[in-house]
Amino acid sequence: MKTPFFLACVGLTMLTLPAAAQKSTHRRHRSAASQVAASNTNGILGAGPLHVANATYLTAAAPVSTQKILALQEQNYIGSYRMTVGFQKTTHLIFPYAVSYVDLGNGGIIADKAQGAENIVKVKASQQGFPQTNMTVVTTDGRLYSFIVDYDANPRVLNYNLAATDVSTSSAVVPLAHLSNSSVTQSDLENYSKEVLEKRKGPHVREQKDNITLAMQGLYTEDDMFFFPLHLANSSNIGYDVDFIKFYIRDKKVAKRTALQESELTPVFVYNARQTTIPGPGQVDQVYALHKFTIPDDKNLVVEMFEKGGGRQLSFVVGNSDILKARKLKK
């Protein structure tokens, strides 16, 4: 008699377990639903629908965009040059001004400025048979050059001279892109320099030594820039190779055992910079453009010229009173 009674108890226990588990499940569902409702009340909802058990909670619909779409017309299009490059050969592009920006469409090609030549870009395929891509180049005169580049195992042309391009008639060249948040382009600096060399008015300072003359013939300003017209003359029969010309601000007087304080100023543009030899006899005129600056009363601006491989070194001093006499150029 004990055995049937024991089995009956076990069976009753097994029958009641699903009901208890079901109640526990219902309690968990109600608890989760309550948490979501509380989150919804506090305004914390995800970007998409939230699902808990069989219930679905939807967020509010996103507002419809009212942005106006404008159509580009043909006059807004920019043309592109077509060129081919190979895997075994390097192609060079020669630009009229230094290159400031290069962008490649994909990794099928590689490009870089030629070492020691700021206006030459070398291009080469990084993989054989790359898919057609593009390349964009911006030069320091503010012009944009656009190229479509295809692969050719044996390209017929390896050197392109963009310096000879008539930019006024080329749709692949867009003029006057403003660089580095500045409205002054290299074309502006070049035009200002030509104007400065025609005027040559204002303070004149010079130094003569060993039949060599270094002189500043006037001083001008425009667009927060200073323009220093320098006259380099050689009255000897020995040519003078200019190593570099340096601008720096230096203390007027230096006490004994006190370090000399110098602050070099870097020109942003040099007109006629390629003329680095003063023939004997002969002369060279250059213009150095620097960002505007002022000089404290206890300091001077020093302009110094060094000879390459030689000892003929010249310099002169410009005071703050000379800087304040800079003449305004007319645009």
C-alpha atoms as a PDB file:
ATOM      1  CA  MET A   1       0.000   0.000   0.000  1.00  0.00           C
ATOM      2  CA  LYS A   2       2.914   2.336   0.580  1.00  0.00           C
ATOM      3  CA  THR A   3       4.242   1.942  -2.933  1.00  0.00           C
ATOM      4  CA  PRO A   4       1.113   3.222  -4.804  1.00  0.00           C
ATOM      5  CA  PHE A   5       0.801   6.160  -2.365  1.00  0.00           C
ATOM      6  CA  PHE A   6       4.463   7.132  -2.896  1.00  0.00           C
ATOM      7  CA  LEU A   7       4.107   7.034  -6.690  1.00  0.00           C
ATOM      8  CA  ALA A   8       0.968   9.140  -6.508  1.00  0.00           C
ATOM      9  CA  CYS A   9       2.832  11.831  -4.559  1.00  0.00           C
ATOM     10  CA  VAL A  10       5.675  11.858  -7.058  1.00  0.00           C
ATOM     11  CA  GLY A  11       3.246  12.187  -9.942  1.00  0.00           C
ATOM     12  CA  LEU A  12       1.443  15.099  -8.281  1.00  0.00           C
ATOM     13  CA  THR A  13       4.729  16.891  -7.781  1.00  0.00           C
ATOM     14  CA  MET A  14       5.669  16.466 -11.469  1.00  0.00           C
ATOM     15  CA  LEU A  15       2.322  17.808 -12.571  1.00  0.00           C
ATOM     16  CA  THR A  16       2.663  21.005 -10.499  1.00  0.00           C
ATOM     17  CA  LEU A  17       6.180  21.938 -11.725  1.00  0.00           C
ATOM     18  CA  PRO A  18       5.204  23.273 -15.177  1.00  0.00           C
ATOM     19  CA  ALA A  19       2.585  25.499 -13.623  1.00  0.00           C
ATOM     20  CA  ALA A  20       5.103  27.017 -11.221  1.00  0.00           C
ATOM     21  CA  ALA A  21       7.650  27.493 -13.986  1.00  0.00           C
ATOM     22  CA  GLN A  22       4.971  29.107 -16.134  1.00  0.00           C
ATOM     23  CA  LYS A  23       4.123  31.570 -13.356  1.00  0.00           C
ATOM     24  CA  SER A  24       7.803  32.403 -12.966  1.00  0.00           C
ATOM     25  CA  THR A  25       8.064  33.040 -16.714  1.00  0.00           C
ATOM     26  CA  HIS A  26       5.019  35.330 -16.643  1.00  0.00           C
ATOM     27  CA  ARG A  27       6.582  37.268 -13.766  1.00  0.00           C
ATOM     28  CA  ARG A  28       9.824  37.761 -15.752  1.00  0.00           C
ATOM     29  CA  HIS A  29       7.880  38.980 -18.791  1.00  0.00           C
ATOM     30  CA  ARG A  30       5.913  41.462 -16.711  1.00  0.00           C
ATOM     31  CA  SER A  31       9.123  42.668 -15.039  1.00  0.00           C
ATOM     32  CA  ALA A  32      10.896  43.193 -18.407  1.00  0.00           C
ATOM     33  CA  ALA A  33       7.860  44.972 -19.836  1.00  0.00           C
ATOM     34  CA  SER A  34       7.754  47.235 -16.794  1.00  0.00           C
ATOM     35  CA  GLN A  35      11.449  48.134 -17.275  1.00  0.00           C
ATOM     36  CA  VAL A  36      10.929  49.030 -20.943  1.00  0.00           C
ATOM     37  CA  ALA A  37       7.890  51.116 -20.045  1.00  0.00           C
ATOM     38  CA  ALA A  38       9.923  52.948 -17.417  1.00  0.00           C
ATOM     39  CA  SER A  39      12.698  53.574 -19.936  1.00  0.00           C
ATOM     40  CA  ASN A  40      10.172  54.840 -22.461  1.00  0.00           C
ATOM     41  CA  THR A  41       8.766  57.189 -19.818  1.00  0.00           C
ATOM     42  CA  ASN A  42      12.230  58.629 -19.260  1.00  0.00           C
ATOM     43  CA  GLY A  43      12.706  59.143 -23.004  1.00  0.00           C
ATOM     44  CA  ILE A  44      15.505  56.527 -23.331  1.00  0.00           C
ATOM     45  CA  LEU A  45      14.834  54.434 -26.399  1.00  0.00           C
ATOM     46  CA  GLY A  46      17.108  52.888 -28.977  1.00  0.00           C
ATOM     47  CA  ALA A  47      17.123  53.817 -32.627  1.00  0.00           C
ATOM     48  CA  GLY A  48      15.064  50.742 -33.681  1.00  0.00           C
ATOM     49  CA  PRO A  49      12.173  48.591 -32.358  1.00  0.00           C
ATOM     50  CA  LEU A  50      12.594  46.918 -28.974  1.00  0.00           C
ATOM     51  CA  HIS A  51      11.280  43.337 -28.514  1.00  0.00           C
ATOM     52  CA  VAL A  52      10.461  41.751 -25.172  1.00  0.00           C
ATOM     53  CA  ALA A  53       8.659  38.356 -25.318  1.00  0.00           C
ATOM     54  CA  ASN A  54       5.729  38.808 -27.689  1.00  0.00           C
ATOM     55  CA  ALA A  55       5.437  42.595 -27.237  1.00  0.00           C
ATOM     56  CA  THR A  56       6.952  45.154 -29.682  1.00  0.00           C
ATOM     57  CA  TYR A  57       7.719  48.781 -28.744  1.00  0.00           C
ATOM     58  CA  LEU A  58       8.260  51.261 -31.623  1.00  0.00           C
ATOM     59  CA  THR A  59      10.112  54.555 -31.558  1.00  0.00           C
ATOM     60  CA  ALA A  60       8.755  57.745 -33.101  1.00  0.00           C
ATOM     61  CA  ALA A  61       9.243  58.120 -36.874  1.00  0.00           C
ATOM     62  CA  ALA A  62      12.268  60.196 -38.005  1.00  0.00           C
ATOM     63  CA  PRO A  63      11.434  63.628 -39.435  1.00  0.00           C
ATOM     64  CA  VAL A  64      11.335  63.854 -43.223  1.00  0.00           C
ATOM     65  CA  SER A  65      14.352  65.705 -44.703  1.00  0.00           C
ATOM     66  CA  THR A  66      13.584  69.045 -46.324  1.00  0.00           C
ATOM     67  CA  GLN A  67      17.049  69.480 -47.868  1.00  0.00           C
ATOM     68  CA  LYS A  68      16.943  70.915 -51.370  1.00  0.00           C
ATOM     69  CA  ILE A  69      18.894  69.013 -54.012  1.00  0.00           C
ATOM     70  CA  LEU A  70      20.537  71.201 -56.653  1.00  0.00           C
ATOM     71  CA  ALA A  71      21.424  69.972 -60.128  1.00  0.00           C
ATOM     72  CA  LEU A  72      24.957  70.519 -61.457  1.00  0.00           C
ATOM     73  CA  GLN A  73      25.027  72.105 -64.891  1.00  0.00           C
ATOM     74  CA  GLU A  74      27.615  71.509 -67.606  1.00  0.00           C
ATOM     75  CA  GLN A  75      29.376  74.775 -66.804  1.00  0.00           C
ATOM     76  CA  ASN A  76      30.135  73.327 -63.351  1.00  0.00           C
ATOM     77  CA  TYR A  77      31.966  70.315 -64.792  1.00  0.00           C
ATOM     78  CA  ILE A  78      35.764  70.079 -64.645  1.00  0.00           C
ATOM     79  CA  GLY A  79      37.518  68.203 -67.413  1.00  0.00           C
ATOM     80  CA  SER A  80      40.391  65.767 -66.918  1.00  0.00           C
ATOM     81  CA  TYR A  81      43.593  64.937 -68.755  1.00  0.00           C
ATOM     82  CA  ARG A  82      44.097  61.302 -69.765  1.00  0.00           C
ATOM     83  CA  MET A  83      47.406  59.614 -69.068  1.00  0.00           C
ATOM     84  CA  THR A  84      48.814  56.094 -68.805  1.00  0.00           C
ATOM     85  CA  VAL A  85      51.375  54.715 -66.369  1.00  0.00           C
ATOM     86  CA  GLY A  86      53.207  51.393 -66.158  1.00  0.00           C
ATOM     87  CA  PHE A  87      54.552  49.048 -63.527  1.00  0.00           C
ATOM     88  CA  GLN A  88      58.150  48.903 -64.801  1.00  0.00           C
ATOM     89  CA  LYS A  89      58.515  52.586 -65.755  1.00  0.00           C
ATOM     90  CA  THR A  90      58.031  55.888 -63.908  1.00  0.00           C
ATOM     91  CA  THR A  91      56.052  58.786 -65.375  1.00  0.00           C
ATOM     92  CA  HIS A  92      56.903  62.393 -64.460  1.00  0.00           C
ATOM     93  CA  LEU A  93      54.590  65.421 -64.492  1.00  0.00           C
ATOM     94  CA  ILE A  94      56.175  68.879 -64.620  1.00  0.00           C
ATOM     95  CA  PHE A  95      54.062  71.742 -63.236  1.00  0.00           C
ATOM     96  CA  PRO A  96      54.707  75.496 -63.517  1.00  0.00           C
ATOM     97  CA  TYR A  97      54.671  75.914 -59.722  1.00  0.00           C
ATOM     98  CA  ALA A  98      55.458  73.867 -56.633  1.00  0.00           C
ATOM     99  CA  VAL A  99      52.970  71.108 -55.794  1.00  0.00           C
ATOM    100  CA  SER A 100      51.097  71.454 -52.493  1.00  0.00           C
ATOM    101  CA  TYR A 101      48.538  68.619 -52.717  1.00  0.00           C
ATOM    102  CA  VAL A 102      48.201  65.229 -54.452  1.00  0.00           C
ATOM    103  CA  ASP A 103      45.238  62.829 -54.164  1.00  0.00           C
ATOM    104  CA  LEU A 104      44.941  59.350 -55.738  1.00  0.00           C
ATOM    105  CA  GLY A 105      41.684  57.580 -56.573  1.00  0.00           C
ATOM    106  CA  ASN A 106      42.840  54.124 -55.467  1.00  0.00           C
ATOM    107  CA  GLY A 107      45.912  52.165 -54.436  1.00  0.00           C
ATOM    108  CA  GLY A 108      46.624  51.016 -57.971  1.00  0.00           C
ATOM    109  CA  ILE A 109      49.038  53.911 -58.437  1.00  0.00           C
ATOM    110  CA  ILE A 110      51.593  55.651 -56.240  1.00  0.00           C
ATOM    111  CA  ALA A 111      52.744  59.278 -56.562  1.00  0.00           C
ATOM    112  CA  ASP A 112      55.231  61.532 -54.826  1.00  0.00           C
ATOM    113  CA  LYS A 113      57.101  64.765 -55.399  1.00  0.00           C
ATOM    114  CA  ALA A 114      60.519  64.306 -56.970  1.00  0.00           C
ATOM    115  CA  GLN A 115      63.322  64.762 -54.469  1.00  0.00           C
ATOM    116  CA  GLY A 116      64.783  68.242 -54.744  1.00  0.00           C
ATOM    117  CA  ALA A 117      62.135  69.424 -57.236  1.00  0.00           C
ATOM    118  CA  GLU A 118      58.955  70.824 -55.707  1.00  0.00           C
ATOM    119  CA  ASN A 119      57.174  71.182 -59.068  1.00  0.00           C
ATOM    120  CA  ILE A 120      57.639  67.615 -60.363  1.00  0.00           C
ATOM    121  CA  VAL A 121      55.421  64.649 -59.449  1.00  0.00           C
ATOM    122  CA  LYS A 122      56.451  61.078 -60.243  1.00  0.00           C
ATOM    123  CA  VAL A 123      53.714  58.475 -60.812  1.00  0.00           C
ATOM    124  CA  LYS A 124      53.940  54.702 -61.124  1.00  0.00           C
ATOM    125  CA  ALA A 125      51.625  51.676 -61.019  1.00  0.00           C
ATOM    126  CA  SER A 126      51.757  49.791 -57.713  1.00  0.00           C
ATOM    127  CA  GLN A 127      50.122  46.735 -59.300  1.00  0.00           C
ATOM    128  CA  GLN A 128      49.851  45.467 -62.849  1.00  0.00           C
ATOM    129  CA  GLY A 129      46.537  45.959 -64.630  1.00  0.00           C
ATOM    130  CA  PHE A 130      44.976  48.201 -61.976  1.00  0.00           C
ATOM    131  CA  PRO A 131      41.414  49.432 -62.712  1.00  0.00           C
ATOM    132  CA  GLN A 132      41.058  52.945 -64.129  1.00  0.00           C
ATOM    133  CA  THR A 133      41.523  55.606 -61.460  1.00  0.00           C
ATOM    134  CA  ASN A 134      42.040  59.351 -61.110  1.00  0.00           C
ATOM    135  CA  MET A 135      44.594  61.758 -59.677  1.00  0.00           C
ATOM    136  CA  THR A 136      44.195  65.376 -58.543  1.00  0.00           C
ATOM    137  CA  VAL A 137      47.063  67.836 -58.103  1.00  0.00           C
ATOM    138  CA  VAL A 138      46.971  71.361 -56.622  1.00  0.00           C
ATOM    139  CA  THR A 139      49.916  73.723 -57.097  1.00  0.00           C
ATOM    140  CA  THR A 140      50.946  76.662 -54.948  1.00  0.00           C
ATOM    141  CA  ASP A 141      49.610  79.165 -57.472  1.00  0.00           C
ATOM    142  CA  GLY A 142      46.157  77.880 -56.510  1.00  0.00           C
ATOM    143  CA  ARG A 143      45.405  75.785 -59.610  1.00  0.00           C
ATOM    144  CA  LEU A 144      43.814  72.335 -59.635  1.00  0.00           C
ATOM    145  CA  TYR A 145      44.827  69.712 -62.219  1.00  0.00           C
ATOM    146  CA  SER A 146      42.617  66.650 -62.838  1.00  0.00           C
ATOM    147  CA  PHE A 147      43.774  63.375 -64.461  1.00  0.00           C
ATOM    148  CA  ILE A 148      42.185  60.074 -65.535  1.00  0.00           C
ATOM    149  CA  VAL A 149      44.844  57.347 -65.193  1.00  0.00           C
ATOM    150  CA  ASP A 150      44.873  54.008 -67.049  1.00  0.00           C
ATOM    151  CA  TYR A 151      47.324  51.126 -66.925  1.00  0.00           C
ATOM    152  CA  ASP A 152      49.700  50.496 -69.825  1.00  0.00           C
ATOM    153  CA  ALA A 153      52.507  47.949 -69.574  1.00  0.00           C
ATOM    154  CA  ASN A 154      54.578  50.031 -71.995  1.00  0.00           C
ATOM    155  CA  PRO A 155      53.363  53.681 -71.832  1.00  0.00           C
ATOM    156  CA  ARG A 156      54.193  55.689 -74.924  1.00  0.00           C
ATOM    157  CA  VAL A 157      54.710  58.977 -73.011  1.00  0.00           C
ATOM    158  CA  LEU A 158      56.773  59.076 -69.815  1.00  0.00           C
ATOM    159  CA  ASN A 159      57.048  62.849 -69.245  1.00  0.00           C
ATOM    160  CA  TYR A 160      54.272  65.449 -69.334  1.00  0.00           C
ATOM    161  CA  ASN A 161      55.054  69.180 -69.309  1.00  0.00           C
ATOM    162  CA  LEU A 162      52.100  70.930 -67.652  1.00  0.00           C
ATOM    163  CA  ALA A 163      54.185  74.095 -67.338  1.00  0.00           C
ATOM    164  CA  ALA A 164      53.559  74.681 -71.054  1.00  0.00           C
ATOM    165  CA  THR A 165      49.768  74.349 -70.691  1.00  0.00           C
ATOM    166  CA  ASP A 166      47.644  77.372 -71.514  1.00  0.00           C
ATOM    167  CA  VAL A 167      45.521  77.354 -68.366  1.00  0.00           C
ATOM    168  CA  SER A 168      43.137  79.935 -69.813  1.00  0.00           C
ATOM    169  CA  THR A 169      41.852  77.417 -72.368  1.00  0.00           C
ATOM    170  CA  SER A 170      42.183  74.172 -70.396  1.00  0.00           C
ATOM    171  CA  SER A 171      39.042  72.854 -68.701  1.00  0.00           C
ATOM    172  CA  ALA A 172      41.153  70.451 -66.630  1.00  0.00           C
ATOM    173  CA  VAL A 173      42.850  73.314 -64.777  1.00  0.00           C
ATOM    174  CA  VAL A 174      40.843  75.352 -62.287  1.00  0.00           C
ATOM    175  CA  PRO A 175      42.556  78.622 -61.259  1.00  0.00           C
ATOM    176  CA  LEU A 176      42.841  80.367 -57.925  1.00  0.00           C
ATOM    177  CA  ALA A 177      42.027  77.779 -55.294  1.00  0.00           C
ATOM    178  CA  HIS A 178      42.670  79.492 -51.973  1.00  0.00           C
ATOM    179  CA  LEU A 179      45.376  77.650 -50.062  1.00  0.00           C
ATOM    180  CA  SER A 180      45.691  77.314 -46.279  1.00  0.00           C
ATOM    181  CA  ASN A 181      42.796  79.701 -45.593  1.00  0.00           C
ATOM    182  CA  SER A 182      44.692  82.497 -47.327  1.00  0.00           C
ATOM    183  CA  SER A 183      43.432  84.638 -50.181  1.00  0.00           C
ATOM    184  CA  VAL A 184      46.986  85.217 -51.495  1.00  0.00           C
ATOM    185  CA  THR A 185      48.107  82.820 -54.208  1.00  0.00           C
ATOM    186  CA  GLN A 186      51.526  82.390 -55.763  1.00  0.00           C
ATOM    187  CA  SER A 187      50.241  84.227 -58.829  1.00  0.00           C
ATOM    188  CA  ASP A 188      49.457  87.219 -56.591  1.00  0.00           C
ATOM    189  CA  LEU A 189      52.920  87.080 -55.022  1.00  0.00           C
ATOM    190  CA  GLU A 190      54.537  86.931 -58.442  1.00  0.00           C
ATOM    191  CA  ASN A 191      52.546  89.910 -59.726  1.00  0.00           C
ATOM    192  CA  TYR A 192      53.302  91.921 -56.586  1.00  0.00           C
ATOM    193  CA  SER A 193      57.013  91.162 -56.975  1.00  0.00           C
ATOM    194  CA  LYS A 194      57.043  92.414 -60.560  1.00  0.00           C
ATOM    195  CA  GLU A 195      55.358  95.610 -59.433  1.00  0.00           C
ATOM    196  CA  VAL A 196      57.902  96.047 -56.634  1.00  0.00           C
ATOM    197  CA  LEU A 197      60.853  95.739 -59.018  1.00  0.00           C
ATOM    198  CA  GLU A 198      59.350  98.451 -61.243  1.00  0.00           C
ATOM    199  CA  LYS A 199      58.923 100.913 -58.355  1.00  0.00           C
ATOM    200  CA  ARG A 200      62.000 100.522 -56.117  1.00  0.00           C
ATOM    201  CA  LYS A 201      61.008 103.338 -53.787  1.00  0.00           C
ATOM    202  CA  GLY A 202      61.335 103.665 -50.047  1.00  0.00           C
ATOM    203  CA  PRO A 203      64.263 102.966 -47.685  1.00  0.00           C
ATOM    204  CA  HIS A 204      67.527 101.974 -49.343  1.00  0.00           C
ATOM    205  CA  VAL A 205      70.108  99.962 -47.412  1.00  0.00           C
ATOM    206  CA  ARG A 206      73.202  98.287 -48.805  1.00  0.00           C
ATOM    207  CA  GLU A 207      76.511  96.600 -48.044  1.00  0.00           C
ATOM    208  CA  GLN A 208      79.558  96.473 -50.366  1.00  0.00           C
ATOM    209  CA  LYS A 209      82.471  94.108 -49.886  1.00  0.00           C
ATOM    210  CA  ASP A 210      85.004  92.386 -52.142  1.00  0.00           C
ATOM    211  CA  ASN A 211      83.390  93.923 -55.271  1.00  0.00           C
ATOM    212  CA  ILE A 212      80.020  92.432 -54.292  1.00  0.00           C
ATOM    213  CA  THR A 213      76.941  94.522 -53.463  1.00  0.00           C
ATOM    214  CA  LEU A 214      73.892  93.452 -51.457  1.00  0.00           C
ATOM    215  CA  ALA A 215      71.224  96.151 -51.374  1.00  0.00           C
ATOM    216  CA  MET A 216      67.563  96.574 -50.444  1.00  0.00           C
ATOM    217  CA  GLN A 217      65.897  98.990 -52.849  1.00  0.00           C
ATOM    218  CA  GLY A 218      62.620  99.917 -51.176  1.00  0.00           C
ATOM    219  CA  LEU A 219      60.134  98.053 -48.986  1.00  0.00           C
ATOM    220  CA  TYR A 220      56.467  97.304 -49.712  1.00  0.00           C
ATOM    221  CA  THR A 221      53.488  95.665 -48.056  1.00  0.00           C
ATOM    222  CA  GLU A 222      50.213  94.121 -49.237  1.00  0.00           C
ATOM    223  CA  ASP A 223      47.839  91.409 -47.939  1.00  0.00           C
ATOM    224  CA  ASP A 224      49.715  91.165 -44.608  1.00  0.00           C
ATOM    225  CA  MET A 225      52.961  90.495 -46.478  1.00  0.00           C
ATOM    226  CA  PHE A 226      56.277  92.369 -46.685  1.00  0.00           C
ATOM    227  CA  PHE A 227      58.133  92.501 -50.007  1.00  0.00           C
ATOM    228  CA  PHE A 228      61.910  93.061 -49.906  1.00  0.00           C
ATOM    229  CA  PRO A 229      63.432  93.870 -53.329  1.00  0.00           C
ATOM    230  CA  LEU A 230      67.091  92.851 -53.198  1.00  0.00           C
ATOM    231  CA  HIS A 231      69.715  93.974 -55.712  1.00  0.00           C
ATOM    232  CA  LEU A 232      72.760  91.665 -55.988  1.00  0.00           C
ATOM    233  CA  ALA A 233      75.681  93.008 -58.014  1.00  0.00           C
ATOM    234  CA  ASN A 234      79.122  91.649 -58.877  1.00  0.00           C
ATOM    235  CA  SER A 235      81.763  94.017 -60.250  1.00  0.00           C
ATOM    236  CA  SER A 236      84.563  91.450 -60.181  1.00  0.00           C
ATOM    237  CA  ASN A 237      85.504  88.952 -62.879  1.00  0.00           C
ATOM    238  CA  ILE A 238      84.746  85.989 -60.595  1.00  0.00           C
ATOM    239  CA  GLY A 239      81.227  84.682 -60.483  1.00  0.00           C
ATOM    240  CA  TYR A 240      79.408  84.639 -57.144  1.00  0.00           C
ATOM    241  CA  ASP A 241      77.317  81.544 -56.327  1.00  0.00           C
ATOM    242  CA  VAL A 242      74.666  82.403 -53.749  1.00  0.00           C
ATOM    243  CA  ASP A 243      74.336  79.675 -51.118  1.00  0.00           C
ATOM    244  CA  PHE A 244      71.391  81.310 -49.341  1.00  0.00           C
ATOM    245  CA  ILE A 245      70.033  84.641 -48.146  1.00  0.00           C
ATOM    246  CA  LYS A 246      68.909  84.726 -44.542  1.00  0.00           C
ATOM    247  CA  PHE A 247      66.492  87.048 -42.679  1.00  0.00           C
ATOM    248  CA  TYR A 248      66.593  87.118 -38.886  1.00  0.00           C
ATOM    249  CA  ILE A 249      65.836  89.417 -35.960  1.00  0.00           C
ATOM    250  CA  ARG A 250      68.805  89.989 -33.637  1.00  0.00           C
ATOM    251  CA  ASP A 251      69.538  91.949 -30.481  1.00  0.00           C
ATOM    252  CA  LYS A 252      71.130  95.359 -31.090  1.00  0.00           C
ATOM    253  CA  LYS A 253      73.548  94.989 -28.210  1.00  0.00           C
ATOM    254  CA  VAL A 254      74.736  91.852 -26.489  1.00  0.00           C
ATOM    255  CA  ALA A 255      76.337  92.038 -23.066  1.00  0.00           C
ATOM    256  CA  LYS A 256      79.458  90.025 -22.356  1.00  0.00           C
ATOM    257  CA  ARG A 257      78.844  86.377 -21.470  1.00  0.00           C
ATOM    258  CA  THR A 258      75.273  86.658 -22.740  1.00  0.00           C
ATOM    259  CA  ALA A 259      74.035  84.388 -25.502  1.00  0.00           C
ATOM    260  CA  LEU A 260      73.119  86.081 -28.768  1.00  0.00           C
ATOM    261  CA  GLN A 261      69.359  86.011 -29.308  1.00  0.00           C
ATOM    262  CA  GLU A 262      68.321  85.417 -32.928  1.00  0.00           C
ATOM    263  CA  SER A 263      64.953  84.620 -34.499  1.00  0.00           C
ATOM    264  CA  GLU A 264      65.012  83.579 -38.155  1.00  0.00           C
ATOM    265  CA  LEU A 265      62.218  84.624 -40.541  1.00  0.00           C
ATOM    266  CA  THR A 266      61.400  82.243 -43.380  1.00  0.00           C
ATOM    267  CA  PRO A 267      60.312  83.755 -46.731  1.00  0.00           C
ATOM    268  CA  VAL A 268      57.074  82.348 -48.122  1.00  0.00           C
ATOM    269  CA  PHE A 269      58.001  83.241 -51.704  1.00  0.00           C
ATOM    270  CA  VAL A 270      61.099  84.308 -53.640  1.00  0.00           C
ATOM    271  CA  TYR A 271      60.771  85.927 -57.037  1.00  0.00           C
ATOM    272  CA  ASN A 272      63.537  84.948 -59.468  1.00  0.00           C
ATOM    273  CA  ALA A 273      64.703  82.300 -56.991  1.00  0.00           C
ATOM    274  CA  ARG A 274      66.300  80.125 -59.681  1.00  0.00           C
ATOM    275  CA  GLN A 275      68.895  82.777 -60.398  1.00  0.00           C
ATOM    276  CA  THR A 276      71.509  81.699 -57.859  1.00  0.00           C
ATOM    277  CA  THR A 277      74.659  82.881 -59.637  1.00  0.00           C
ATOM    278  CA  ILE A 278      75.747  86.501 -60.007  1.00  0.00           C
ATOM    279  CA  PRO A 279      77.942  86.522 -63.101  1.00  0.00           C
ATOM    280  CA  GLY A 280      81.223  88.394 -63.007  1.00  0.00           C
ATOM    281  CA  PRO A 281      80.581  91.101 -63.827  1.00  0.00           C
ATOM    282  CA  GLY A 282      76.783  91.171 -63.618  1.00  0.00           C
ATOM    283  CA  GLN A 283      73.727  91.604 -61.388  1.00  0.00           C
ATOM    284  CA  VAL A 284      70.577  89.817 -60.192  1.00  0.00           C
ATOM    285  CA  ASP A 285      67.327  91.269 -58.840  1.00  0.00           C
ATOM    286  CA  GLN A 286      65.133  89.226 -56.508  1.00  0.00           C
ATOM    287  CA  VAL A 287      62.097  89.855 -54.285  1.00  0.00           C
ATOM    288  CA  TYR A 288      61.598  88.102 -50.941  1.00  0.00           C
ATOM    289  CA  ALA A 289      58.059  87.941 -49.527  1.00  0.00           C
ATOM    290  CA  LEU A 290      57.643  87.437 -45.759  1.00  0.00           C
ATOM    291  CA  HIS A 291      54.640  87.449 -43.454  1.00  0.00           C
ATOM    292  CA  LYS A 292      54.230  90.826 -41.762  1.00  0.00           C
ATOM    293  CA  PHE A 293      56.144  91.414 -38.517  1.00  0.00           C
ATOM    294  CA  THR A 294      57.381  94.214 -36.281  1.00  0.00           C
ATOM    295  CA  ILE A 295      60.714  94.698 -34.563  1.00  0.00           C
ATOM    296  CA  PRO A 296      61.141  95.617 -30.869  1.00  0.00           C
ATOM    297  CA  ASP A 297      63.192  98.734 -30.125  1.00  0.00           C
ATOM    298  CA  ASP A 298      66.121  96.719 -28.811  1.00  0.00           C
ATOM    299  CA  LYS A 299      66.383  94.539 -31.948  1.00  0.00           C
ATOM    300  CA  ASN A 300      67.174  94.841 -35.670  1.00  0.00           C
ATOM    301  CA  LEU A 301      66.340  92.887 -38.798  1.00  0.00           C
ATOM    302  CA  VAL A 302      69.502  91.469 -40.354  1.00  0.00           C
ATOM    303  CA  VAL A 303      69.665  90.393 -44.013  1.00  0.00           C
ATOM    304  CA  GLU A 304      72.675  88.221 -44.775  1.00  0.00           C
ATOM    305  CA  MET A 305      73.988  86.630 -47.997  1.00  0.00           C
ATOM    306  CA  PHE A 306      76.370  83.658 -48.005  1.00  0.00           C
ATOM    307  CA  GLU A 307      78.585  82.517 -50.864  1.00  0.00           C
ATOM    308  CA  LYS A 308      78.625  78.814 -51.685  1.00  0.00           C
ATOM    309  CA  GLY A 309      82.108  77.431 -51.107  1.00  0.00           C
ATOM    310  CA  GLY A 310      83.529  80.917 -50.612  1.00  0.00           C
ATOM    311  CA  GLY A 311      84.178  83.602 -48.024  1.00  0.00           C
ATOM    312  CA  ARG A 312      82.434  86.624 -49.513  1.00  0.00           C
ATOM    313  CA  GLN A 313      79.679  87.088 -46.930  1.00  0.00           C
ATOM    314  CA  LEU A 314      77.632  90.302 -46.814  1.00  0.00           C
ATOM    315  CA  SER A 315      74.898  91.639 -44.536  1.00  0.00           C
ATOM    316  CA  PHE A 316      72.994  94.814 -43.720  1.00  0.00           C
ATOM    317  CA  VAL A 317      70.660  95.924 -40.938  1.00  0.00           C
ATOM    318  CA  VAL A 318      67.055  97.158 -41.213  1.00  0.00           C
ATOM    319  CA  GLY A 319      65.589  99.040 -38.262  1.00  0.00           C
ATOM    320  CA  ASN A 320      61.993  99.216 -37.109  1.00  0.00           C
ATOM    321  CA  SER A 321      61.780 102.778 -38.466  1.00  0.00           C
ATOM    322  CA  ASP A 322      62.533 101.391 -41.943  1.00  0.00           C
ATOM    323  CA  ILE A 323      59.860  98.707 -41.551  1.00  0.00           C
ATOM    324  CA  LEU A 324      57.290 101.358 -40.661  1.00  0.00           C
ATOM    325  CA  LYS A 325      58.122 103.192 -43.911  1.00  0.00           C
ATOM    326  CA  ALA A 326      56.931 100.249 -46.056  1.00  0.00           C
ATOM    327  CA  ARG A 327      54.798 101.482 -48.943  1.00  0.00           C
ATOM    328  CA  LYS A 328      51.378 100.079 -49.766  1.00  0.00           C
ATOM    329  CA  LEU A 329      50.957  98.272 -53.073  1.00  0.00           C
ATOM    330  CA  LYS A 330      47.841  98.710 -55.149  1.00  0.00           C
ATOM    331  CA  LYS A 331      45.920  95.576 -56.178  1.00  0.00           C
END
